[in-house]
Amino acid sequence: MTQLNEMEEFRLHAYESAAIYKERTKFIHDKKILKREFNSGNLVLLFNSRLKLFPGKLKSKWSGSFTVVSVSPYGAIELESKDGTRTFKVNGQRVKHYLGTTGERHQIEQFAIKDSPTVAPTTE
């Protein structure tokens, strides 16, 4: 009878340990999740999930930029293409804010490097 009680006690201890482990891992996972809020008019990039199947070394997984038309309360986002010809709905987890330039372009000055004048060797 004591062996059965010990077995039951061991099982309860293992159950409690597993529950504590799950709570800790959930807390760590949830801490890493970023809350993204989108408003209409924001510029966003769209994640292209088809590139996971055929990865390219230099292909970007993000396409865009798109304009947010509307946001539903449960995470669906309606996007409009850059030229404004079509709109479509996507899951809010597939988009991220576009932090590109707003039209400011900086011109980089180019300098030509000239060869230094060569000194003729002198012979004595």
PDB file of N, CA and C in Angstrom:
ATOM      1  N   MET A   1       0.821  -1.199   0.000  1.00  0.00           N
ATOM      2  CA  MET A   1       0.000   0.000   0.000  1.00  0.00           C
ATOM      3  C   MET A   1       0.867   1.266   0.000  1.00  0.00           C
ATOM      4  N   THR A   2       1.978   1.200   0.731  1.00  0.00           N
ATOM      5  CA  THR A   2       2.864   2.369   0.777  1.00  0.00           C
ATOM      6  C   THR A   2       3.511   2.612  -0.587  1.00  0.00           C
ATOM      7  N   GLN A   3       3.804   1.553  -1.316  1.00  0.00           N
ATOM      8  CA  GLN A   3       4.378   1.724  -2.658  1.00  0.00           C
ATOM      9  C   GLN A   3       3.393   2.423  -3.593  1.00  0.00           C
ATOM     10  N   LEU A   4       2.113   2.109  -3.487  1.00  0.00           N
ATOM     11  CA  LEU A   4       1.105   2.779  -4.299  1.00  0.00           C
ATOM     12  C   LEU A   4       1.011   4.261  -3.937  1.00  0.00           C
ATOM     13  N   ASN A   5       1.086   4.572  -2.663  1.00  0.00           N
ATOM     14  CA  ASN A   5       1.046   5.962  -2.232  1.00  0.00           C
ATOM     15  C   ASN A   5       2.277   6.721  -2.733  1.00  0.00           C
ATOM     16  N   GLU A   6       3.440   6.072  -2.665  1.00  0.00           N
ATOM     17  CA  GLU A   6       4.659   6.704  -3.168  1.00  0.00           C
ATOM     18  C   GLU A   6       4.571   6.930  -4.677  1.00  0.00           C
ATOM     19  N   MET A   7       4.013   5.970  -5.378  1.00  0.00           N
ATOM     20  CA  MET A   7       3.845   6.095  -6.834  1.00  0.00           C
ATOM     21  C   MET A   7       2.909   7.255  -7.173  1.00  0.00           C
ATOM     22  N   GLU A   8       1.810   7.376  -6.433  1.00  0.00           N
ATOM     23  CA  GLU A   8       0.867   8.467  -6.647  1.00  0.00           C
ATOM     24  C   GLU A   8       1.526   9.811  -6.323  1.00  0.00           C
ATOM     25  N   GLU A   9       2.313   9.873  -5.270  1.00  0.00           N
ATOM     26  CA  GLU A   9       3.018  11.098  -4.896  1.00  0.00           C
ATOM     27  C   GLU A   9       4.038  11.480  -5.975  1.00  0.00           C
ATOM     28  N   PHE A  10       4.749  10.506  -6.512  1.00  0.00           N
ATOM     29  CA  PHE A  10       5.721  10.750  -7.581  1.00  0.00           C
ATOM     30  C   PHE A  10       5.018  11.283  -8.830  1.00  0.00           C
ATOM     31  N   ARG A  11       3.854  10.730  -9.161  1.00  0.00           N
ATOM     32  CA  ARG A  11       3.098  11.171 -10.325  1.00  0.00           C
ATOM     33  C   ARG A  11       2.624  12.616 -10.158  1.00  0.00           C
ATOM     34  N   LEU A  12       2.139  12.967  -8.976  1.00  0.00           N
ATOM     35  CA  LEU A  12       1.694  14.335  -8.719  1.00  0.00           C
ATOM     36  C   LEU A  12       2.862  15.318  -8.797  1.00  0.00           C
ATOM     37  N   HIS A  13       4.009  14.912  -8.286  1.00  0.00           N
ATOM     38  CA  HIS A  13       5.199  15.775  -8.347  1.00  0.00           C
ATOM     39  C   HIS A  13       5.622  16.004  -9.809  1.00  0.00           C
ATOM     40  N   ALA A  14       5.586  14.946 -10.623  1.00  0.00           N
ATOM     41  CA  ALA A  14       5.943  15.070 -12.039  1.00  0.00           C
ATOM     42  C   ALA A  14       4.941  15.965 -12.765  1.00  0.00           C
ATOM     43  N   TYR A  15       3.658  15.859 -12.440  1.00  0.00           N
ATOM     44  CA  TYR A  15       2.630  16.699 -13.060  1.00  0.00           C
ATOM     45  C   TYR A  15       2.849  18.166 -12.721  1.00  0.00           C
ATOM     46  N   GLU A  16       3.155  18.458 -11.453  1.00  0.00           N
ATOM     47  CA  GLU A  16       3.412  19.837 -11.034  1.00  0.00           C
ATOM     48  C   GLU A  16       4.652  20.401 -11.719  1.00  0.00           C
ATOM     49  N   SER A  17       5.692  19.592 -11.846  1.00  0.00           N
ATOM     50  CA  SER A  17       6.923  20.044 -12.504  1.00  0.00           C
ATOM     51  C   SER A  17       6.661  20.371 -13.971  1.00  0.00           C
ATOM     52  N   ALA A  18       5.880  19.536 -14.634  1.00  0.00           N
ATOM     53  CA  ALA A  18       5.562  19.789 -16.041  1.00  0.00           C
ATOM     54  C   ALA A  18       4.730  21.056 -16.186  1.00  0.00           C
ATOM     55  N   ALA A  19       3.797  21.289 -15.275  1.00  0.00           N
ATOM     56  CA  ALA A  19       2.968  22.499 -15.342  1.00  0.00           C
ATOM     57  C   ALA A  19       3.819  23.748 -15.132  1.00  0.00           C
ATOM     58  N   ILE A  20       4.749  23.706 -14.196  1.00  0.00           N
ATOM     59  CA  ILE A  20       5.643  24.846 -13.943  1.00  0.00           C
ATOM     60  C   ILE A  20       6.515  25.105 -15.164  1.00  0.00           C
ATOM     61  N   TYR A  21       7.038  24.051 -15.786  1.00  0.00           N
ATOM     62  CA  TYR A  21       7.870  24.193 -16.987  1.00  0.00           C
ATOM     63  C   TYR A  21       7.078  24.842 -18.117  1.00  0.00           C
ATOM     64  N   LYS A  22       5.834  24.401 -18.322  1.00  0.00           N
ATOM     65  CA  LYS A  22       4.994  24.969 -19.388  1.00  0.00           C
ATOM     66  C   LYS A  22       4.714  26.449 -19.139  1.00  0.00           C
ATOM     67  N   GLU A  23       4.456  26.821 -17.887  1.00  0.00           N
ATOM     68  CA  GLU A  23       4.206  28.232 -17.567  1.00  0.00           C
ATOM     69  C   GLU A  23       5.423  29.088 -17.876  1.00  0.00           C
ATOM     70  N   ARG A  24       6.603  28.603 -17.499  1.00  0.00           N
ATOM     71  CA  ARG A  24       7.832  29.372 -17.739  1.00  0.00           C
ATOM     72  C   ARG A  24       8.116  29.533 -19.226  1.00  0.00           C
ATOM     73  N   THR A  25       7.978  28.464 -19.995  1.00  0.00           N
ATOM     74  CA  THR A  25       8.253  28.561 -21.435  1.00  0.00           C
ATOM     75  C   THR A  25       7.218  29.455 -22.129  1.00  0.00           C
ATOM     76  N   LYS A  26       5.966  29.417 -21.685  1.00  0.00           N
ATOM     77  CA  LYS A  26       4.946  30.293 -22.260  1.00  0.00           C
ATOM     78  C   LYS A  26       5.271  31.748 -21.945  1.00  0.00           C
ATOM     79  N   PHE A  27       5.709  32.033 -20.728  1.00  0.00           N
ATOM     80  CA  PHE A  27       6.072  33.399 -20.350  1.00  0.00           C
ATOM     81  C   PHE A  27       7.230  33.906 -21.207  1.00  0.00           C
ATOM     82  N   ILE A  28       8.246  33.077 -21.420  1.00  0.00           N
ATOM     83  CA  ILE A  28       9.406  33.475 -22.230  1.00  0.00           C
ATOM     84  C   ILE A  28       8.980  33.696 -23.681  1.00  0.00           C
ATOM     85  N   HIS A  29       8.135  32.817 -24.205  1.00  0.00           N
ATOM     86  CA  HIS A  29       7.654  32.953 -25.585  1.00  0.00           C
ATOM     87  C   HIS A  29       6.826  34.220 -25.750  1.00  0.00           C
ATOM     88  N   ASP A  30       5.901  34.465 -24.836  1.00  0.00           N
ATOM     89  CA  ASP A  30       5.031  35.636 -24.937  1.00  0.00           C
ATOM     90  C   ASP A  30       5.800  36.941 -24.774  1.00  0.00           C
ATOM     91  N   LYS A  31       6.908  36.905 -24.056  1.00  0.00           N
ATOM     92  CA  LYS A  31       7.718  38.101 -23.858  1.00  0.00           C
ATOM     93  C   LYS A  31       8.383  38.536 -25.164  1.00  0.00           C
ATOM     94  N   LYS A  32       8.643  37.585 -26.051  1.00  0.00           N
ATOM     95  CA  LYS A  32       9.312  37.886 -27.315  1.00  0.00           C
ATOM     96  C   LYS A  32       8.345  38.353 -28.409  1.00  0.00           C
ATOM     97  N   ILE A  33       7.041  38.185 -28.221  1.00  0.00           N
ATOM     98  CA  ILE A  33       6.057  38.572 -29.227  1.00  0.00           C
ATOM     99  C   ILE A  33       5.894  40.087 -29.201  1.00  0.00           C
ATOM    100  N   LEU A  34       5.993  40.689 -30.381  1.00  0.00           N
ATOM    101  CA  LEU A  34       5.828  42.132 -30.504  1.00  0.00           C
ATOM    102  C   LEU A  34       4.384  42.453 -30.882  1.00  0.00           C
ATOM    103  N   LYS A  35       3.809  43.401 -30.221  1.00  0.00           N
ATOM    104  CA  LYS A  35       2.448  43.832 -30.538  1.00  0.00           C
ATOM    105  C   LYS A  35       2.525  44.881 -31.637  1.00  0.00           C
ATOM    106  N   ARG A  36       1.947  44.573 -32.783  1.00  0.00           N
ATOM    107  CA  ARG A  36       1.949  45.494 -33.914  1.00  0.00           C
ATOM    108  C   ARG A  36       0.551  46.062 -34.089  1.00  0.00           C
ATOM    109  N   GLU A  37       0.470  47.363 -34.137  1.00  0.00           N
ATOM    110  CA  GLU A  37      -0.811  48.015 -34.371  1.00  0.00           C
ATOM    111  C   GLU A  37      -0.733  48.766 -35.699  1.00  0.00           C
ATOM    112  N   PHE A  38      -1.720  48.536 -36.541  1.00  0.00           N
ATOM    113  CA  PHE A  38      -1.762  49.166 -37.855  1.00  0.00           C
ATOM    114  C   PHE A  38      -2.959  50.091 -37.928  1.00  0.00           C
ATOM    115  N   ASN A  39      -2.786  51.199 -38.600  1.00  0.00           N
ATOM    116  CA  ASN A  39      -3.862  52.153 -38.843  1.00  0.00           C
ATOM    117  C   ASN A  39      -3.998  52.340 -40.344  1.00  0.00           C
ATOM    118  N   SER A  40      -5.167  52.797 -40.776  1.00  0.00           N
ATOM    119  CA  SER A  40      -5.341  53.003 -42.204  1.00  0.00           C
ATOM    120  C   SER A  40      -4.410  54.115 -42.672  1.00  0.00           C
ATOM    121  N   GLY A  41      -3.795  53.890 -43.813  1.00  0.00           N
ATOM    122  CA  GLY A  41      -2.832  54.837 -44.361  1.00  0.00           C
ATOM    123  C   GLY A  41      -1.386  54.455 -44.101  1.00  0.00           C
ATOM    124  N   ASN A  42      -1.134  53.486 -43.204  1.00  0.00           N
ATOM    125  CA  ASN A  42       0.241  53.040 -42.943  1.00  0.00           C
ATOM    126  C   ASN A  42       0.801  52.294 -44.141  1.00  0.00           C
ATOM    127  N   LEU A  43       2.100  52.390 -44.339  1.00  0.00           N
ATOM    128  CA  LEU A  43       2.786  51.586 -45.357  1.00  0.00           C
ATOM    129  C   LEU A  43       3.309  50.327 -44.692  1.00  0.00           C
ATOM    130  N   VAL A  44       3.082  49.167 -45.335  1.00  0.00           N
ATOM    131  CA  VAL A  44       3.494  47.890 -44.766  1.00  0.00           C
ATOM    132  C   VAL A  44       4.157  47.035 -45.840  1.00  0.00           C
ATOM    133  N   LEU A  45       4.901  46.045 -45.388  1.00  0.00           N
ATOM    134  CA  LEU A  45       5.481  45.021 -46.251  1.00  0.00           C
ATOM    135  C   LEU A  45       4.731  43.719 -46.009  1.00  0.00           C
ATOM    136  N   LEU A  46       4.580  42.900 -47.046  1.00  0.00           N
ATOM    137  CA  LEU A  46       3.849  41.637 -46.969  1.00  0.00           C
ATOM    138  C   LEU A  46       4.821  40.478 -47.062  1.00  0.00           C
ATOM    139  N   PHE A  47       4.693  39.517 -46.127  1.00  0.00           N
ATOM    140  CA  PHE A  47       5.553  38.335 -46.115  1.00  0.00           C
ATOM    141  C   PHE A  47       5.111  37.371 -47.200  1.00  0.00           C
ATOM    142  N   ASN A  48       6.055  36.952 -48.049  1.00  0.00           N
ATOM    143  CA  ASN A  48       5.751  36.018 -49.134  1.00  0.00           C
ATOM    144  C   ASN A  48       6.068  34.615 -48.651  1.00  0.00           C
ATOM    145  N   SER A  49       5.052  33.861 -48.250  1.00  0.00           N
ATOM    146  CA  SER A  49       5.261  32.534 -47.676  1.00  0.00           C
ATOM    147  C   SER A  49       5.633  31.499 -48.730  1.00  0.00           C
ATOM    148  N   ARG A  50       5.407  31.768 -49.999  1.00  0.00           N
ATOM    149  CA  ARG A  50       5.752  30.795 -51.040  1.00  0.00           C
ATOM    150  C   ARG A  50       7.253  30.676 -51.227  1.00  0.00           C
ATOM    151  N   LEU A  51       8.002  31.683 -50.810  1.00  0.00           N
ATOM    152  CA  LEU A  51       9.452  31.595 -50.944  1.00  0.00           C
ATOM    153  C   LEU A  51      10.056  30.600 -49.971  1.00  0.00           C
ATOM    154  N   LYS A  52       9.293  30.178 -48.965  1.00  0.00           N
ATOM    155  CA  LYS A  52       9.794  29.151 -48.050  1.00  0.00           C
ATOM    156  C   LYS A  52       9.996  27.829 -48.792  1.00  0.00           C
ATOM    157  N   LEU A  53       9.134  27.587 -49.781  1.00  0.00           N
ATOM    158  CA  LEU A  53       9.214  26.336 -50.524  1.00  0.00           C
ATOM    159  C   LEU A  53      10.404  26.321 -51.476  1.00  0.00           C
ATOM    160  N   PHE A  54      10.677  27.460 -52.105  1.00  0.00           N
ATOM    161  CA  PHE A  54      11.780  27.570 -53.054  1.00  0.00           C
ATOM    162  C   PHE A  54      12.677  28.732 -52.637  1.00  0.00           C
ATOM    163  N   PRO A  55      13.488  28.539 -51.623  1.00  0.00           N
ATOM    164  CA  PRO A  55      14.282  29.673 -51.129  1.00  0.00           C
ATOM    165  C   PRO A  55      15.367  30.072 -52.117  1.00  0.00           C
ATOM    166  N   GLY A  56      15.522  31.345 -52.274  1.00  0.00           N
ATOM    167  CA  GLY A  56      16.594  31.886 -53.082  1.00  0.00           C
ATOM    168  C   GLY A  56      17.574  32.579 -52.169  1.00  0.00           C
ATOM    169  N   LYS A  57      18.812  32.512 -52.514  1.00  0.00           N
ATOM    170  CA  LYS A  57      19.821  33.054 -51.626  1.00  0.00           C
ATOM    171  C   LYS A  57      19.666  34.557 -51.447  1.00  0.00           C
ATOM    172  N   LEU A  58      19.366  35.266 -52.518  1.00  0.00           N
ATOM    173  CA  LEU A  58      19.280  36.712 -52.443  1.00  0.00           C
ATOM    174  C   LEU A  58      17.856  37.242 -52.576  1.00  0.00           C
ATOM    175  N   LYS A  59      16.859  36.356 -52.632  1.00  0.00           N
ATOM    176  CA  LYS A  59      15.480  36.807 -52.751  1.00  0.00           C
ATOM    177  C   LYS A  59      14.972  37.261 -51.391  1.00  0.00           C
ATOM    178  N   SER A  60      14.277  38.381 -51.384  1.00  0.00           N
ATOM    179  CA  SER A  60      13.689  38.881 -50.154  1.00  0.00           C
ATOM    180  C   SER A  60      12.368  38.173 -49.904  1.00  0.00           C
ATOM    181  N   LYS A  61      12.091  37.860 -48.664  1.00  0.00           N
ATOM    182  CA  LYS A  61      10.829  37.222 -48.317  1.00  0.00           C
ATOM    183  C   LYS A  61       9.715  38.242 -48.160  1.00  0.00           C
ATOM    184  N   TRP A  62      10.055  39.510 -48.174  1.00  0.00           N
ATOM    185  CA  TRP A  62       9.076  40.579 -47.981  1.00  0.00           C
ATOM    186  C   TRP A  62       8.845  41.313 -49.297  1.00  0.00           C
ATOM    187  N   SER A  63       7.596  41.533 -49.648  1.00  0.00           N
ATOM    188  CA  SER A  63       7.277  42.286 -50.865  1.00  0.00           C
ATOM    189  C   SER A  63       6.460  43.510 -50.463  1.00  0.00           C
ATOM    190  N   GLY A  64       6.487  44.502 -51.282  1.00  0.00           N
ATOM    191  CA  GLY A  64       5.698  45.681 -50.932  1.00  0.00           C
ATOM    192  C   GLY A  64       6.356  46.919 -51.474  1.00  0.00           C
ATOM    193  N   SER A  65       5.907  47.990 -51.146  1.00  0.00           N
ATOM    194  CA  SER A  65       5.098  48.386 -50.008  1.00  0.00           C
ATOM    195  C   SER A  65       3.619  48.514 -50.396  1.00  0.00           C
ATOM    196  N   PHE A  66       2.758  48.244 -49.401  1.00  0.00           N
ATOM    197  CA  PHE A  66       1.323  48.321 -49.579  1.00  0.00           C
ATOM    198  C   PHE A  66       0.765  49.333 -48.592  1.00  0.00           C
ATOM    199  N   THR A  67      -0.404  49.854 -48.894  1.00  0.00           N
ATOM    200  CA  THR A  67      -1.068  50.807 -48.013  1.00  0.00           C
ATOM    201  C   THR A  67      -2.219  50.115 -47.298  1.00  0.00           C
ATOM    202  N   VAL A  68      -2.330  50.330 -45.991  1.00  0.00           N
ATOM    203  CA  VAL A  68      -3.414  49.738 -45.206  1.00  0.00           C
ATOM    204  C   VAL A  68      -4.685  50.530 -45.473  1.00  0.00           C
ATOM    205  N   VAL A  69      -5.748  49.814 -45.889  1.00  0.00           N
ATOM    206  CA  VAL A  69      -7.036  50.447 -46.139  1.00  0.00           C
ATOM    207  C   VAL A  69      -7.889  50.391 -44.878  1.00  0.00           C
ATOM    208  N   SER A  70      -8.009  49.184 -44.296  1.00  0.00           N
ATOM    209  CA  SER A  70      -8.797  49.030 -43.076  1.00  0.00           C
ATOM    210  C   SER A  70      -8.251  47.878 -42.258  1.00  0.00           C
ATOM    211  N   VAL A  71      -8.545  47.923 -40.956  1.00  0.00           N
ATOM    212  CA  VAL A  71      -8.110  46.879 -40.031  1.00  0.00           C
ATOM    213  C   VAL A  71      -9.334  46.353 -39.308  1.00  0.00           C
ATOM    214  N   SER A  72      -9.525  45.032 -39.330  1.00  0.00           N
ATOM    215  CA  SER A  72     -10.653  44.444 -38.616  1.00  0.00           C
ATOM    216  C   SER A  72     -10.233  44.167 -37.171  1.00  0.00           C
ATOM    217  N   PRO A  73     -11.192  44.009 -36.259  1.00  0.00           N
ATOM    218  CA  PRO A  73     -10.831  43.816 -34.848  1.00  0.00           C
ATOM    219  C   PRO A  73     -10.137  42.491 -34.558  1.00  0.00           C
ATOM    220  N   TYR A  74     -10.242  41.500 -35.436  1.00  0.00           N
ATOM    221  CA  TYR A  74      -9.645  40.199 -35.163  1.00  0.00           C
ATOM    222  C   TYR A  74      -8.363  39.935 -35.939  1.00  0.00           C
ATOM    223  N   GLY A  75      -7.753  40.965 -36.506  1.00  0.00           N
ATOM    224  CA  GLY A  75      -6.432  40.820 -37.095  1.00  0.00           C
ATOM    225  C   GLY A  75      -6.356  40.803 -38.601  1.00  0.00           C
ATOM    226  N   ALA A  76      -7.462  40.740 -39.303  1.00  0.00           N
ATOM    227  CA  ALA A  76      -7.407  40.785 -40.764  1.00  0.00           C
ATOM    228  C   ALA A  76      -7.170  42.224 -41.208  1.00  0.00           C
ATOM    229  N   ILE A  77      -6.291  42.387 -42.191  1.00  0.00           N
ATOM    230  CA  ILE A  77      -5.940  43.720 -42.674  1.00  0.00           C
ATOM    231  C   ILE A  77      -6.210  43.780 -44.172  1.00  0.00           C
ATOM    232  N   GLU A  78      -6.885  44.835 -44.591  1.00  0.00           N
ATOM    233  CA  GLU A  78      -7.143  45.032 -46.015  1.00  0.00           C
ATOM    234  C   GLU A  78      -6.060  45.953 -46.560  1.00  0.00           C
ATOM    235  N   LEU A  79      -5.362  45.470 -47.595  1.00  0.00           N
ATOM    236  CA  LEU A  79      -4.251  46.207 -48.184  1.00  0.00           C
ATOM    237  C   LEU A  79      -4.597  46.676 -49.588  1.00  0.00           C
ATOM    238  N   GLU A  80      -3.953  47.753 -49.987  1.00  0.00           N
ATOM    239  CA  GLU A  80      -4.110  48.284 -51.335  1.00  0.00           C
ATOM    240  C   GLU A  80      -2.734  48.325 -51.980  1.00  0.00           C
ATOM    241  N   SER A  81      -2.667  47.926 -53.250  1.00  0.00           N
ATOM    242  CA  SER A  81      -1.380  47.924 -53.948  1.00  0.00           C
ATOM    243  C   SER A  81      -0.877  49.347 -54.135  1.00  0.00           C
ATOM    244  N   LYS A  82       0.382  49.465 -54.450  1.00  0.00           N
ATOM    245  CA  LYS A  82       1.026  50.774 -54.565  1.00  0.00           C
ATOM    246  C   LYS A  82       0.362  51.643 -55.633  1.00  0.00           C
ATOM    247  N   ASP A  83      -0.021  51.031 -56.760  1.00  0.00           N
ATOM    248  CA  ASP A  83      -0.653  51.811 -57.825  1.00  0.00           C
ATOM    249  C   ASP A  83      -2.151  52.013 -57.597  1.00  0.00           C
ATOM    250  N   GLY A  84      -2.720  51.379 -56.582  1.00  0.00           N
ATOM    251  CA  GLY A  84      -4.120  51.588 -56.234  1.00  0.00           C
ATOM    252  C   GLY A  84      -5.106  50.816 -57.080  1.00  0.00           C
ATOM    253  N   THR A  85      -4.637  49.816 -57.840  1.00  0.00           N
ATOM    254  CA  THR A  85      -5.538  49.091 -58.728  1.00  0.00           C
ATOM    255  C   THR A  85      -6.326  47.998 -58.029  1.00  0.00           C
ATOM    256  N   ARG A  86      -5.773  47.391 -56.973  1.00  0.00           N
ATOM    257  CA  ARG A  86      -6.499  46.295 -56.340  1.00  0.00           C
ATOM    258  C   ARG A  86      -6.324  46.330 -54.832  1.00  0.00           C
ATOM    259  N   THR A  87      -7.312  45.764 -54.126  1.00  0.00           N
ATOM    260  CA  THR A  87      -7.251  45.614 -52.677  1.00  0.00           C
ATOM    261  C   THR A  87      -7.464  44.148 -52.345  1.00  0.00           C
ATOM    262  N   PHE A  88      -6.892  43.699 -51.241  1.00  0.00           N
ATOM    263  CA  PHE A  88      -7.025  42.325 -50.799  1.00  0.00           C
ATOM    264  C   PHE A  88      -6.827  42.258 -49.295  1.00  0.00           C
ATOM    265  N   LYS A  89      -7.357  41.189 -48.684  1.00  0.00           N
ATOM    266  CA  LYS A  89      -7.260  41.011 -47.235  1.00  0.00           C
ATOM    267  C   LYS A  89      -6.204  39.954 -46.924  1.00  0.00           C
ATOM    268  N   VAL A  90      -5.440  40.204 -45.869  1.00  0.00           N
ATOM    269  CA  VAL A  90      -4.420  39.256 -45.423  1.00  0.00           C
ATOM    270  C   VAL A  90      -4.477  39.158 -43.909  1.00  0.00           C
ATOM    271  N   ASN A  91      -3.841  38.132 -43.395  1.00  0.00           N
ATOM    272  CA  ASN A  91      -3.696  37.965 -41.955  1.00  0.00           C
ATOM    273  C   ASN A  91      -2.721  39.025 -41.432  1.00  0.00           C
ATOM    274  N   GLY A  92      -3.031  39.620 -40.306  1.00  0.00           N
ATOM    275  CA  GLY A  92      -2.194  40.678 -39.745  1.00  0.00           C
ATOM    276  C   GLY A  92      -0.814  40.224 -39.342  1.00  0.00           C
ATOM    277  N   GLN A  93      -0.614  38.917 -39.159  1.00  0.00           N
ATOM    278  CA  GLN A  93       0.704  38.408 -38.787  1.00  0.00           C
ATOM    279  C   GLN A  93       1.650  38.321 -39.979  1.00  0.00           C
ATOM    280  N   ARG A  94       1.119  38.489 -41.186  1.00  0.00           N
ATOM    281  CA  ARG A  94       1.958  38.412 -42.384  1.00  0.00           C
ATOM    282  C   ARG A  94       2.501  39.760 -42.821  1.00  0.00           C
ATOM    283  N   VAL A  95       2.197  40.836 -42.085  1.00  0.00           N
ATOM    284  CA  VAL A  95       2.653  42.162 -42.482  1.00  0.00           C
ATOM    285  C   VAL A  95       3.497  42.787 -41.379  1.00  0.00           C
ATOM    286  N   LYS A  96       4.366  43.690 -41.790  1.00  0.00           N
ATOM    287  CA  LYS A  96       5.140  44.477 -40.827  1.00  0.00           C
ATOM    288  C   LYS A  96       5.249  45.896 -41.366  1.00  0.00           C
ATOM    289  N   HIS A  97       5.528  46.824 -40.471  1.00  0.00           N
ATOM    290  CA  HIS A  97       5.620  48.229 -40.857  1.00  0.00           C
ATOM    291  C   HIS A  97       6.776  48.434 -41.831  1.00  0.00           C
ATOM    292  N   TYR A  98       6.545  49.294 -42.821  1.00  0.00           N
ATOM    293  CA  TYR A  98       7.570  49.645 -43.790  1.00  0.00           C
ATOM    294  C   TYR A  98       8.266  50.901 -43.288  1.00  0.00           C
ATOM    295  N   LEU A  99       9.561  50.801 -43.060  1.00  0.00           N
ATOM    296  CA  LEU A  99      10.322  51.910 -42.498  1.00  0.00           C
ATOM    297  C   LEU A  99      11.222  52.551 -43.531  1.00  0.00           C
ATOM    298  N   GLY A 100      10.854  52.478 -44.789  1.00  0.00           N
ATOM    299  CA  GLY A 100      11.672  53.018 -45.873  1.00  0.00           C
ATOM    300  C   GLY A 100      11.671  54.531 -45.883  1.00  0.00           C
ATOM    301  N   THR A 101      12.400  55.062 -46.835  1.00  0.00           N
ATOM    302  CA  THR A 101      12.480  56.511 -46.960  1.00  0.00           C
ATOM    303  C   THR A 101      11.171  57.058 -47.502  1.00  0.00           C
ATOM    304  N   THR A 102      10.914  58.293 -47.212  1.00  0.00           N
ATOM    305  CA  THR A 102       9.676  58.928 -47.662  1.00  0.00           C
ATOM    306  C   THR A 102       9.930  59.817 -48.863  1.00  0.00           C
ATOM    307  N   GLY A 103      10.850  59.425 -49.705  1.00  0.00           N
ATOM    308  CA  GLY A 103      11.115  60.178 -50.914  1.00  0.00           C
ATOM    309  C   GLY A 103      12.397  60.981 -50.844  1.00  0.00           C
ATOM    310  N   GLU A 104      13.013  61.064 -49.692  1.00  0.00           N
ATOM    311  CA  GLU A 104      14.264  61.800 -49.594  1.00  0.00           C
ATOM    312  C   GLU A 104      15.388  60.944 -50.140  1.00  0.00           C
ATOM    313  N   ARG A 105      16.059  61.444 -51.095  1.00  0.00           N
ATOM    314  CA  ARG A 105      17.188  60.726 -51.675  1.00  0.00           C
ATOM    315  C   ARG A 105      18.413  61.606 -51.519  1.00  0.00           C
ATOM    316  N   HIS A 106      19.465  61.019 -51.082  1.00  0.00           N
ATOM    317  CA  HIS A 106      20.701  61.768 -50.893  1.00  0.00           C
ATOM    318  C   HIS A 106      21.672  61.394 -51.999  1.00  0.00           C
ATOM    319  N   GLN A 107      22.244  62.398 -52.592  1.00  0.00           N
ATOM    320  CA  GLN A 107      23.204  62.148 -53.653  1.00  0.00           C
ATOM    321  C   GLN A 107      24.571  61.988 -53.019  1.00  0.00           C
ATOM    322  N   ILE A 108      25.255  60.989 -53.453  1.00  0.00           N
ATOM    323  CA  ILE A 108      26.582  60.714 -52.930  1.00  0.00           C
ATOM    324  C   ILE A 108      27.602  61.308 -53.893  1.00  0.00           C
ATOM    325  N   GLU A 109      28.496  62.058 -53.320  1.00  0.00           N
ATOM    326  CA  GLU A 109      29.536  62.653 -54.153  1.00  0.00           C
ATOM    327  C   GLU A 109      30.578  61.604 -54.472  1.00  0.00           C
ATOM    328  N   GLN A 110      31.041  61.648 -55.707  1.00  0.00           N
ATOM    329  CA  GLN A 110      32.070  60.715 -56.131  1.00  0.00           C
ATOM    330  C   GLN A 110      33.357  61.486 -56.359  1.00  0.00           C
ATOM    331  N   PHE A 111      34.399  60.975 -55.817  1.00  0.00           N
ATOM    332  CA  PHE A 111      35.705  61.577 -55.976  1.00  0.00           C
ATOM    333  C   PHE A 111      36.571  60.649 -56.816  1.00  0.00           C
ATOM    334  N   ALA A 112      37.237  61.226 -57.768  1.00  0.00           N
ATOM    335  CA  ALA A 112      38.160  60.440 -58.582  1.00  0.00           C
ATOM    336  C   ALA A 112      39.517  60.460 -57.877  1.00  0.00           C
ATOM    337  N   ILE A 113      40.063  59.297 -57.726  1.00  0.00           N
ATOM    338  CA  ILE A 113      41.381  59.197 -57.102  1.00  0.00           C
ATOM    339  C   ILE A 113      42.423  59.290 -58.204  1.00  0.00           C
ATOM    340  N   LYS A 114      43.243  60.302 -58.089  1.00  0.00           N
ATOM    341  CA  LYS A 114      44.282  60.501 -59.094  1.00  0.00           C
ATOM    342  C   LYS A 114      45.561  59.836 -58.620  1.00  0.00           C
ATOM    343  N   ASP A 115      46.266  59.335 -59.591  1.00  0.00           N
ATOM    344  CA  ASP A 115      47.558  58.716 -59.262  1.00  0.00           C
ATOM    345  C   ASP A 115      48.495  59.809 -58.789  1.00  0.00           C
ATOM    346  N   SER A 116      49.279  59.483 -57.813  1.00  0.00           N
ATOM    347  CA  SER A 116      50.261  60.479 -57.348  1.00  0.00           C
ATOM    348  C   SER A 116      51.352  60.620 -58.417  1.00  0.00           C
ATOM    349  N   PRO A 117      51.903  61.817 -58.540  1.00  0.00           N
ATOM    350  CA  PRO A 117      52.936  62.011 -59.561  1.00  0.00           C
ATOM    351  C   PRO A 117      54.136  61.125 -59.250  1.00  0.00           C
ATOM    352  N   THR A 118      54.572  60.492 -60.281  1.00  0.00           N
ATOM    353  CA  THR A 118      55.734  59.613 -60.090  1.00  0.00           C
ATOM    354  C   THR A 118      57.010  60.436 -60.134  1.00  0.00           C
ATOM    355  N   VAL A 119      57.903  60.081 -59.313  1.00  0.00           N
ATOM    356  CA  VAL A 119      59.202  60.768 -59.264  1.00  0.00           C
ATOM    357  C   VAL A 119      60.184  59.928 -60.055  1.00  0.00           C
ATOM    358  N   ALA A 120      60.815  60.582 -61.014  1.00  0.00           N
ATOM    359  CA  ALA A 120      61.794  59.863 -61.838  1.00  0.00           C
ATOM    360  C   ALA A 120      63.021  59.556 -61.003  1.00  0.00           C
ATOM    361  N   PRO A 121      63.472  58.331 -61.103  1.00  0.00           N
ATOM    362  CA  PRO A 121      64.678  57.981 -60.316  1.00  0.00           C
ATOM    363  C   PRO A 121      65.903  58.744 -60.856  1.00  0.00           C
ATOM    364  N   THR A 122      66.694  59.194 -59.964  1.00  0.00           N
ATOM    365  CA  THR A 122      67.904  59.917 -60.348  1.00  0.00           C
ATOM    366  C   THR A 122      69.091  58.982 -60.362  1.00  0.00           C
ATOM    367  N   THR A 123      69.921  59.164 -61.346  1.00  0.00           N
ATOM    368  CA  THR A 123      71.144  58.353 -61.417  1.00  0.00           C
ATOM    369  C   THR A 123      72.344  59.271 -61.283  1.00  0.00           C
ATOM    370  N   GLU A 124      73.240  58.932 -60.479  1.00  0.00           N
ATOM    371  CA  GLU A 124      74.425  59.751 -60.282  1.00  0.00           C
ATOM    372  C   GLU A 124      75.639  59.153 -60.857  1.00  0.00           C
TER     373      GLU A 124
END
